[in-house]
C-alpha atoms as a PDB file:
ATOM      1  CA  MET A   1     -84.862 -22.970  38.667  1.00  0.00           C
ATOM      2  CA  SER A   2     -81.879 -24.677  37.069  1.00  0.00           C
ATOM      3  CA  GLU A   3     -80.111 -27.568  38.740  1.00  0.00           C
ATOM      4  CA  PRO A   4     -76.810 -26.700  40.463  1.00  0.00           C
ATOM      5  CA  ALA A   5     -73.712 -27.589  38.466  1.00  0.00           C
ATOM      6  CA  PRO A   6     -71.921 -30.738  39.620  1.00  0.00           C
ATOM      7  CA  GLU A   7     -68.810 -30.267  41.690  1.00  0.00           C
ATOM      8  CA  PHE A   8     -65.502 -30.067  39.872  1.00  0.00           C
ATOM      9  CA  GLN A   9     -64.700 -33.671  38.998  1.00  0.00           C
ATOM     10  CA  PRO A  10     -60.900 -33.769  39.481  1.00  0.00           C
ATOM     11  CA  LYS A  11     -61.567 -33.492  43.236  1.00  0.00           C
ATOM     12  CA  ASP A  12     -62.752 -37.102  43.029  1.00  0.00           C
ATOM     13  CA  LEU A  13     -59.187 -38.354  42.484  1.00  0.00           C
ATOM     14  CA  ASN A  14     -57.271 -39.260  45.614  1.00  0.00           C
ATOM     15  CA  THR A  15     -53.698 -38.052  46.116  1.00  0.00           C
ATOM     16  CA  ARG A  16     -52.128 -41.258  44.831  1.00  0.00           C
ATOM     17  CA  GLU A  17     -54.205 -41.142  41.633  1.00  0.00           C
ATOM     18  CA  ARG A  18     -53.387 -37.484  41.110  1.00  0.00           C
ATOM     19  CA  MET A  19     -49.654 -38.094  41.481  1.00  0.00           C
ATOM     20  CA  ALA A  20     -49.777 -41.142  39.212  1.00  0.00           C
ATOM     21  CA  THR A  21     -51.632 -39.226  36.502  1.00  0.00           C
ATOM     22  CA  THR A  22     -49.034 -36.463  36.553  1.00  0.00           C
ATOM     23  CA  ALA A  23     -46.120 -38.912  36.701  1.00  0.00           C
ATOM     24  CA  ARG A  24     -47.303 -40.796  33.617  1.00  0.00           C
ATOM     25  CA  ALA A  25     -47.564 -37.623  31.547  1.00  0.00           C
ATOM     26  CA  VAL A  26     -44.181 -36.352  32.783  1.00  0.00           C
ATOM     27  CA  ALA A  27     -42.488 -39.662  31.977  1.00  0.00           C
ATOM     28  CA  GLN A  28     -44.014 -39.695  28.510  1.00  0.00           C
ATOM     29  CA  GLY A  29     -42.886 -36.123  27.885  1.00  0.00           C
ATOM     30  CA  ILE A  30     -39.325 -36.988  28.925  1.00  0.00           C
ATOM     31  CA  ARG A  31     -39.288 -40.008  26.580  1.00  0.00           C
ATOM     32  CA  TYR A  32     -40.511 -37.951  23.628  1.00  0.00           C
ATOM     33  CA  LYS A  33     -37.991 -35.186  24.267  1.00  0.00           C
ATOM     34  CA  ALA A  34     -35.174 -37.745  24.501  1.00  0.00           C
ATOM     35  CA  LYS A  35     -36.159 -39.006  21.038  1.00  0.00           C
ATOM     36  CA  GLY A  36     -36.426 -35.467  19.654  1.00  0.00           C
ATOM     37  CA  GLU A  37     -40.216 -35.669  19.283  1.00  0.00           C
ATOM     38  CA  HIS A  38     -42.848 -33.247  20.473  1.00  0.00           C
ATOM     39  CA  GLU A  39     -46.073 -34.805  19.210  1.00  0.00           C
ATOM     40  CA  THR A  40     -47.522 -37.969  17.677  1.00  0.00           C
ATOM     41  CA  GLN A  41     -49.834 -38.489  14.705  1.00  0.00           C
ATOM     42  CA  ARG A  42     -50.614 -42.186  14.668  1.00  0.00           C
ATOM     43  CA  GLY A  43     -53.711 -41.685  12.576  1.00  0.00           C
ATOM     44  CA  ALA A  44     -51.462 -40.788   9.628  1.00  0.00           C
ATOM     45  CA  GLU A  45     -50.610 -44.470   9.280  1.00  0.00           C
ATOM     46  CA  LEU A  46     -54.232 -45.370   8.467  1.00  0.00           C
ATOM     47  CA  ILE A  47     -56.324 -45.123   5.308  1.00  0.00           C
ATOM     48  CA  VAL A  48     -60.139 -45.309   5.260  1.00  0.00           C
ATOM     49  CA  ASP A  49     -61.845 -47.281   2.504  1.00  0.00           C
ATOM     50  CA  GLU A  50     -63.592 -44.970   0.025  1.00  0.00           C
ATOM     51  CA  ALA A  51     -66.809 -46.975   0.228  1.00  0.00           C
ATOM     52  CA  ASP A  52     -66.910 -46.446   3.981  1.00  0.00           C
ATOM     53  CA  VAL A  53     -66.345 -42.709   3.514  1.00  0.00           C
ATOM     54  CA  ALA A  54     -69.264 -42.535   1.075  1.00  0.00           C
ATOM     55  CA  VAL A  55     -71.528 -44.077   3.694  1.00  0.00           C
ATOM     56  CA  VAL A  56     -70.288 -41.622   6.342  1.00  0.00           C
ATOM     57  CA  ILE A  57     -71.012 -38.469   4.332  1.00  0.00           C
ATOM     58  CA  GLU A  58     -74.231 -39.661   2.666  1.00  0.00           C
ATOM     59  CA  GLU A  59     -76.469 -38.009   5.280  1.00  0.00           C
ATOM     60  CA  TRP A  60     -74.283 -34.969   5.931  1.00  0.00           C
ATOM     61  CA  PRO A  61     -75.674 -31.460   5.252  1.00  0.00           C
ATOM     62  CA  GLU A  62     -75.254 -30.484   1.607  1.00  0.00           C
ATOM     63  CA  ALA A  63     -72.554 -27.848   2.176  1.00  0.00           C
ATOM     64  CA  GLN A  64     -70.313 -30.196   4.156  1.00  0.00           C
ATOM     65  CA  LYS A  65     -70.994 -33.132   1.828  1.00  0.00           C
ATOM     66  CA  LYS A  66     -69.966 -31.178  -1.284  1.00  0.00           C
ATOM     67  CA  VAL A  67     -66.745 -29.907   0.284  1.00  0.00           C
ATOM     68  CA  ALA A  68     -65.969 -33.422   1.553  1.00  0.00           C
ATOM     69  CA  GLU A  69     -66.353 -34.689  -2.020  1.00  0.00           C
ATOM     70  CA  GLN A  70     -63.983 -31.953  -3.224  1.00  0.00           C
ATOM     71  CA  MET A  71     -61.381 -33.010  -0.636  1.00  0.00           C
ATOM     72  CA  LEU A  72     -61.801 -36.680  -1.578  1.00  0.00           C
ATOM     73  CA  SER A  73     -61.345 -35.898  -5.264  1.00  0.00           C
ATOM     74  CA  LYS A  74     -58.276 -33.780  -4.619  1.00  0.00           C
ATOM     75  CA  TYR A  75     -56.518 -35.688  -1.824  1.00  0.00           C
ATOM     76  CA  GLY A  76     -57.928 -39.199  -1.937  1.00  0.00           C
ATOM     77  CA  PRO A  77     -59.427 -41.091   1.004  1.00  0.00           C
ATOM     78  CA  PRO A  78     -58.873 -39.703   4.520  1.00  0.00           C
ATOM     79  CA  ASN A  79     -56.684 -41.240   7.207  1.00  0.00           C
ATOM     80  CA  GLU A  80     -59.467 -41.245   9.795  1.00  0.00           C
ATOM     81  CA  ALA A  81     -63.253 -41.184   9.689  1.00  0.00           C
ATOM     82  CA  THR A  82     -66.065 -41.089  12.218  1.00  0.00           C
ATOM     83  CA  LEU A  83     -69.766 -40.479  11.674  1.00  0.00           C
ATOM     84  CA  THR A  84     -69.188 -36.737  12.048  1.00  0.00           C
ATOM     85  CA  ARG A  85     -65.568 -36.136  10.973  1.00  0.00           C
ATOM     86  CA  LEU A  86     -63.030 -36.880   8.222  1.00  0.00           C
ATOM     87  CA  THR A  87     -59.329 -36.240   8.806  1.00  0.00           C
ATOM     88  CA  TRP A  88     -56.373 -36.169   6.419  1.00  0.00           C
ATOM     89  CA  TYR A  89     -52.731 -35.885   7.529  1.00  0.00           C
ATOM     90  CA  ARG A  90     -49.985 -34.346   5.390  1.00  0.00           C
ATOM     91  CA  ASN A  91     -52.263 -33.770   2.404  1.00  0.00           C
ATOM     92  CA  GLY A  92     -50.933 -31.239  -0.061  1.00  0.00           C
ATOM     93  CA  PRO A  93     -49.615 -28.175   1.777  1.00  0.00           C
ATOM     94  CA  TRP A  94     -51.531 -29.095   4.916  1.00  0.00           C
ATOM     95  CA  LYS A  95     -50.302 -30.731   8.053  1.00  0.00           C
ATOM     96  CA  ARG A  96     -53.891 -31.709   8.776  1.00  0.00           C
ATOM     97  CA  THR A  97     -57.300 -31.251   7.153  1.00  0.00           C
ATOM     98  CA  GLU A  98     -60.505 -31.861   9.067  1.00  0.00           C
ATOM     99  CA  ILE A  99     -64.080 -31.574   7.854  1.00  0.00           C
ATOM    100  CA  THR A 100     -67.048 -32.066  10.155  1.00  0.00           C
ATOM    101  CA  SER A 101     -70.742 -32.593   9.671  1.00  0.00           C
ATOM    102  CA  ASP A 102     -71.239 -30.119  12.516  1.00  0.00           C
ATOM    103  CA  SER A 103     -70.719 -26.432  11.843  1.00  0.00           C
ATOM    104  CA  VAL A 104     -70.512 -23.080  13.584  1.00  0.00           C
ATOM    105  CA  VAL A 105     -72.053 -19.845  12.300  1.00  0.00           C
ATOM    106  CA  HIS A 106     -69.599 -17.055  11.509  1.00  0.00           C
ATOM    107  CA  ASN A 107     -70.769 -13.584  10.483  1.00  0.00           C
ATOM    108  CA  TRP A 108     -67.564 -12.213   8.900  1.00  0.00           C
ATOM    109  CA  PRO A 109     -67.007 -11.311   6.117  1.00  0.00           C
ATOM    110  CA  THR A 110     -70.608 -12.419   5.551  1.00  0.00           C
ATOM    111  CA  VAL A 111     -72.875 -14.907   7.297  1.00  0.00           C
ATOM    112  CA  HIS A 112     -71.693 -18.467   6.615  1.00  0.00           C
ATOM    113  CA  THR A 113     -70.839 -21.672   8.451  1.00  0.00           C
ATOM    114  CA  ASP A 114     -67.387 -22.955   9.402  1.00  0.00           C
ATOM    115  CA  PHE A 115     -66.744 -26.684   9.086  1.00  0.00           C
ATOM    116  CA  LEU A 116     -63.438 -27.148   7.213  1.00  0.00           C
ATOM    117  CA  THR A 117     -60.294 -26.758   9.323  1.00  0.00           C
ATOM    118  CA  GLN A 118     -56.834 -26.835   7.745  1.00  0.00           C
ATOM    119  CA  THR A 119     -53.587 -26.619   9.660  1.00  0.00           C
ATOM    120  CA  ILE A 120     -49.957 -25.739   8.965  1.00  0.00           C
ATOM    121  CA  ASP A 121     -46.836 -25.612  11.081  1.00  0.00           C
ATOM    122  CA  TYR A 122     -46.266 -21.927  11.860  1.00  0.00           C
ATOM    123  CA  ARG A 123     -44.900 -20.048  14.852  1.00  0.00           C
ATOM    124  CA  VAL A 124     -46.764 -16.879  15.774  1.00  0.00           C
ATOM    125  CA  PRO A 125     -44.883 -14.605  18.203  1.00  0.00           C
ATOM    126  CA  PRO A 126     -46.985 -14.607  21.414  1.00  0.00           C
ATOM    127  CA  PRO A 127     -47.484 -10.805  21.431  1.00  0.00           C
ATOM    128  CA  LEU A 128     -49.164 -11.059  18.019  1.00  0.00           C
ATOM    129  CA  ILE A 129     -51.633 -13.826  18.859  1.00  0.00           C
ATOM    130  CA  SER A 130     -54.217 -11.312  20.056  1.00  0.00           C
ATOM    131  CA  ALA A 131     -53.977  -9.394  16.770  1.00  0.00           C
ATOM    132  CA  ILE A 132     -54.667 -12.583  14.840  1.00  0.00           C
ATOM    133  CA  ALA A 133     -57.679 -13.316  17.043  1.00  0.00           C
ATOM    134  CA  GLU A 134     -58.909  -9.771  16.399  1.00  0.00           C
ATOM    135  CA  PHE A 135     -58.438 -10.248  12.654  1.00  0.00           C
ATOM    136  CA  ASP A 136     -60.482 -13.448  12.466  1.00  0.00           C
ATOM    137  CA  GLY A 137     -61.939 -15.475  15.324  1.00  0.00           C
ATOM    138  CA  SER A 138     -61.814 -18.618  13.190  1.00  0.00           C
ATOM    139  CA  ILE A 139     -58.018 -18.572  12.994  1.00  0.00           C
ATOM    140  CA  LEU A 140     -56.790 -20.914  15.717  1.00  0.00           C
ATOM    141  CA  VAL A 141     -53.247 -20.549  17.077  1.00  0.00           C
ATOM    142  CA  ASP A 142     -51.678 -23.437  19.005  1.00  0.00           C
ATOM    143  CA  ARG A 143     -48.491 -21.994  20.484  1.00  0.00           C
ATOM    144  CA  THR A 144     -47.269 -25.250  22.066  1.00  0.00           C
ATOM    145  CA  ARG A 145     -47.585 -27.372  18.928  1.00  0.00           C
ATOM    146  CA  GLY A 146     -46.437 -24.523  16.715  1.00  0.00           C
ATOM    147  CA  GLU A 147     -49.517 -24.653  14.527  1.00  0.00           C
ATOM    148  CA  VAL A 148     -51.989 -22.258  12.971  1.00  0.00           C
ATOM    149  CA  SER A 149     -55.351 -23.512  11.713  1.00  0.00           C
ATOM    150  CA  ALA A 150     -57.911 -21.769   9.549  1.00  0.00           C
ATOM    151  CA  ARG A 151     -61.547 -22.864   9.850  1.00  0.00           C
ATOM    152  CA  CYS A 152     -64.052 -21.784   7.215  1.00  0.00           C
ATOM    153  CA  ASP A 153     -66.302 -23.187   4.463  1.00  0.00           C
ATOM    154  CA  SER A 154     -63.751 -23.712   1.684  1.00  0.00           C
ATOM    155  CA  GLU A 155     -60.077 -24.321   1.042  1.00  0.00           C
ATOM    156  CA  ALA A 156     -59.760 -20.951  -0.705  1.00  0.00           C
ATOM    157  CA  ALA A 157     -61.078 -19.153   2.384  1.00  0.00           C
ATOM    158  CA  ASN A 158     -58.564 -21.004   4.567  1.00  0.00           C
ATOM    159  CA  VAL A 159     -55.701 -20.132   2.210  1.00  0.00           C
ATOM    160  CA  LEU A 160     -56.770 -16.487   2.319  1.00  0.00           C
ATOM    161  CA  GLY A 161     -56.920 -16.474   6.107  1.00  0.00           C
ATOM    162  CA  LEU A 162     -53.477 -18.004   6.508  1.00  0.00           C
ATOM    163  CA  ASN A 163     -51.912 -15.611   4.008  1.00  0.00           C
ATOM    164  CA  MET A 164     -53.230 -12.781   6.160  1.00  0.00           C
ATOM    165  CA  VAL A 165     -51.843 -14.459   9.288  1.00  0.00           C
ATOM    166  CA  HIS A 166     -48.389 -14.440   7.690  1.00  0.00           C
ATOM    167  CA  GLU A 167     -48.667 -10.787   6.771  1.00  0.00           C
ATOM    168  CA  LEU A 168     -49.817  -9.895  10.271  1.00  0.00           C
ATOM    169  CA  ALA A 169     -47.042 -11.969  11.865  1.00  0.00           C
ATOM    170  CA  THR A 170     -44.379 -10.375   9.667  1.00  0.00           C
ATOM    171  CA  GLY A 171     -45.667  -6.827  10.141  1.00  0.00           C
ATOM    172  CA  LYS A 172     -46.716  -6.294   6.539  1.00  0.00           C
ATOM    173  CA  ARG A 173     -50.310  -5.479   7.487  1.00  0.00           C
ATOM    174  CA  ASP A 174     -52.258  -4.366  10.507  1.00  0.00           C
ATOM    175  CA  VAL A 175     -55.600  -5.866  11.541  1.00  0.00           C
ATOM    176  CA  ALA A 176     -57.713  -3.348   9.632  1.00  0.00           C
ATOM    177  CA  GLY A 177     -55.647  -3.850   6.474  1.00  0.00           C
ATOM    178  CA  ALA A 178     -55.837  -7.627   6.745  1.00  0.00           C
ATOM    179  CA  ARG A 179     -59.610  -7.564   7.147  1.00  0.00           C
ATOM    180  CA  HIS A 180     -60.025  -5.207   4.170  1.00  0.00           C
ATOM    181  CA  THR A 181     -57.796  -7.373   1.979  1.00  0.00           C
ATOM    182  CA  SER A 182     -59.710 -10.485   3.025  1.00  0.00           C
ATOM    183  CA  GLU A 183     -63.052  -8.911   2.191  1.00  0.00           C
ATOM    184  CA  GLN A 184     -61.870  -7.803  -1.255  1.00  0.00           C
ATOM    185  CA  ASN A 185     -60.300 -11.163  -2.097  1.00  0.00           C
ATOM    186  CA  THR A 186     -63.338 -13.084  -0.872  1.00  0.00           C
ATOM    187  CA  VAL A 187     -65.648 -11.223  -3.248  1.00  0.00           C
ATOM    188  CA  ALA A 188     -63.151 -11.298  -6.115  1.00  0.00           C
ATOM    189  CA  TYR A 189     -62.635 -15.055  -5.795  1.00  0.00           C
ATOM    190  CA  THR A 190     -66.387 -15.711  -5.688  1.00  0.00           C
ATOM    191  CA  LEU A 191     -66.915 -13.624  -8.837  1.00  0.00           C
ATOM    192  CA  GLY A 192     -64.130 -15.443 -10.700  1.00  0.00           C
ATOM    193  CA  ARG A 193     -61.825 -12.432 -10.673  1.00  0.00           C
ATOM    194  CA  GLU A 194     -58.138 -12.449  -9.764  1.00  0.00           C
ATOM    195  CA  ALA A 195     -57.772 -13.096  -6.026  1.00  0.00           C
ATOM    196  CA  PRO A 196     -54.126 -13.979  -5.374  1.00  0.00           C
ATOM    197  CA  TYR A 197     -54.431 -14.313  -1.616  1.00  0.00           C
ATOM    198  CA  ALA A 198     -57.174 -16.937  -1.971  1.00  0.00           C
ATOM    199  CA  GLU A 199     -55.529 -18.980  -4.735  1.00  0.00           C
ATOM    200  CA  ARG A 200     -52.414 -20.352  -3.026  1.00  0.00           C
ATOM    201  CA  LEU A 201     -50.267 -19.909   0.058  1.00  0.00           C
ATOM    202  CA  LEU A 202     -47.837 -17.094  -0.724  1.00  0.00           C
ATOM    203  CA  PHE A 203     -45.139 -17.955   1.809  1.00  0.00           C
ATOM    204  CA  GLU A 204     -42.891 -20.909   2.458  1.00  0.00           C
ATOM    205  CA  ILE A 205     -44.507 -23.296   4.914  1.00  0.00           C
ATOM    206  CA  PRO A 206     -42.131 -24.348   7.705  1.00  0.00           C
ATOM    207  CA  GLU A 207     -41.347 -28.046   7.948  1.00  0.00           C
ATOM    208  CA  GLY A 208     -41.463 -28.495  11.708  1.00  0.00           C
ATOM    209  CA  GLY A 209     -39.378 -26.651  14.263  1.00  0.00           C
ATOM    210  CA  THR A 210     -42.220 -24.228  15.017  1.00  0.00           C
ATOM    211  CA  GLU A 211     -43.246 -25.718  18.360  1.00  0.00           C
ATOM    212  CA  ASP A 212     -42.919 -23.603  21.514  1.00  0.00           C
ATOM    213  CA  LEU A 213     -42.722 -26.028  24.430  1.00  0.00           C
ATOM    214  CA  ASP A 214     -42.154 -23.217  26.974  1.00  0.00           C
ATOM    215  CA  GLU A 215     -39.873 -23.727  30.002  1.00  0.00           C
ATOM    216  CA  SER A 216     -40.184 -26.013  32.990  1.00  0.00           C
ATOM    217  CA  ALA A 217     -40.772 -23.896  36.087  1.00  0.00           C
ATOM    218  CA  ILE A 218     -42.256 -26.174  38.726  1.00  0.00           C
ATOM    219  CA  SER A 219     -39.305 -26.970  41.019  1.00  0.00           C
ATOM    220  CA  GLU A 220     -39.978 -24.047  43.382  1.00  0.00           C
ATOM    221  CA  ALA A 221     -43.673 -24.922  43.522  1.00  0.00           C
ATOM    222  CA  ILE A 222     -42.806 -28.538  44.404  1.00  0.00           C
ATOM    223  CA  THR A 223     -40.644 -27.395  47.319  1.00  0.00           C
ATOM    224  CA  GLU A 224     -43.317 -25.048  48.646  1.00  0.00           C
ATOM    225  CA  GLN A 225     -46.167 -27.522  48.242  1.00  0.00           C
ATOM    226  CA  LEU A 226     -44.250 -30.369  49.884  1.00  0.00           C
ATOM    227  CA  ALA A 227     -43.628 -28.122  52.880  1.00  0.00           C
ATOM    228  CA  GLY A 228     -47.322 -27.316  52.943  1.00  0.00           C
ATOM    229  CA  LYS A 229     -48.194 -31.000  52.721  1.00  0.00           C
ATOM    230  CA  VAL A 230     -46.082 -31.701  55.807  1.00  0.00           C
ATOM    231  CA  LYS A 231     -47.948 -28.991  57.706  1.00  0.00           C
ATOM    232  CA  ASP A 232     -51.262 -30.433  56.517  1.00  0.00           C
ATOM    233  CA  THR A 233     -50.232 -33.843  57.837  1.00  0.00           C
ATOM    234  CA  LEU A 234     -49.302 -32.328  61.175  1.00  0.00           C
ATOM    235  CA  GLY A 235     -52.686 -30.649  61.405  1.00  0.00           C
ATOM    236  CA  HIS A 236     -51.612 -27.111  60.535  1.00  0.00           C
ATOM    237  CA  PRO A 237     -52.952 -26.485  57.029  1.00  0.00           C
ATOM    238  CA  GLU A 238     -51.659 -23.407  55.263  1.00  0.00           C
ATOM    239  CA  GLU A 239     -53.758 -20.780  53.590  1.00  0.00           C
ATOM    240  CA  PRO A 240     -53.404 -20.946  49.773  1.00  0.00           C
ATOM    241  CA  THR A 241     -50.630 -18.644  48.608  1.00  0.00           C
ATOM    242  CA  ASP A 242     -49.351 -17.366  45.324  1.00  0.00           C
ATOM    243  CA  ARG A 243     -45.978 -15.713  45.658  1.00  0.00           C
ATOM    244  CA  ARG A 244     -45.756 -14.602  42.078  1.00  0.00           C
ATOM    245  CA  SER A 245     -45.668 -10.859  41.606  1.00  0.00           C
ATOM    246  CA  PRO A 246     -48.814  -9.279  40.127  1.00  0.00           C
ATOM    247  CA  GLY A 247     -48.991  -9.118  36.335  1.00  0.00           C
END
């Protein structure tokens, strides 16, 4: 019989610690917004020595090691390195490139492993995010940061995936059409035939401005929860409520 799962850890924080944690993040968010920023990338200021990178990837699996060497030859040394990960910022058309010694098996369009993730700024309309997930489970949409990442085993495969994302997002193709086009271009590229969707990004990559920070909507909840806290203090705890309408 398996051991019971530990209790949910955030319960261990007392009220003062919970409020302080939230306050710090809120204050930081306000400061960034005041400066017109929505994210930080401090790792972009660093460069890893090539000799250190060679040591890192020496014992990596062959597939990851070869692709890492391709990235090093094309883009130079990464900005960050750990024993299991290399990261480049603003390399070529990419906002971020990440290659890991770990991998995940992916069966489509044929069995392979995913370990190379490449990211661009791109805003996907929320109603279309599910279609992109249906097209390819290794396309990762970050609505808040305004990013789309493709994770596969080569740069060409990532280019192909992101070209299909653009065509899905702009209504040029449906999911079935995007999958068919991907399958055809994958085989064509591997055989050395013309495969335009796998050779380069065929749309203009946005330069920022794609983030979707959503809207602040907590003032009503604060009022309700403060009233509940007063009742708790007086010894009359409320039952949990959610006054939002269904759906």
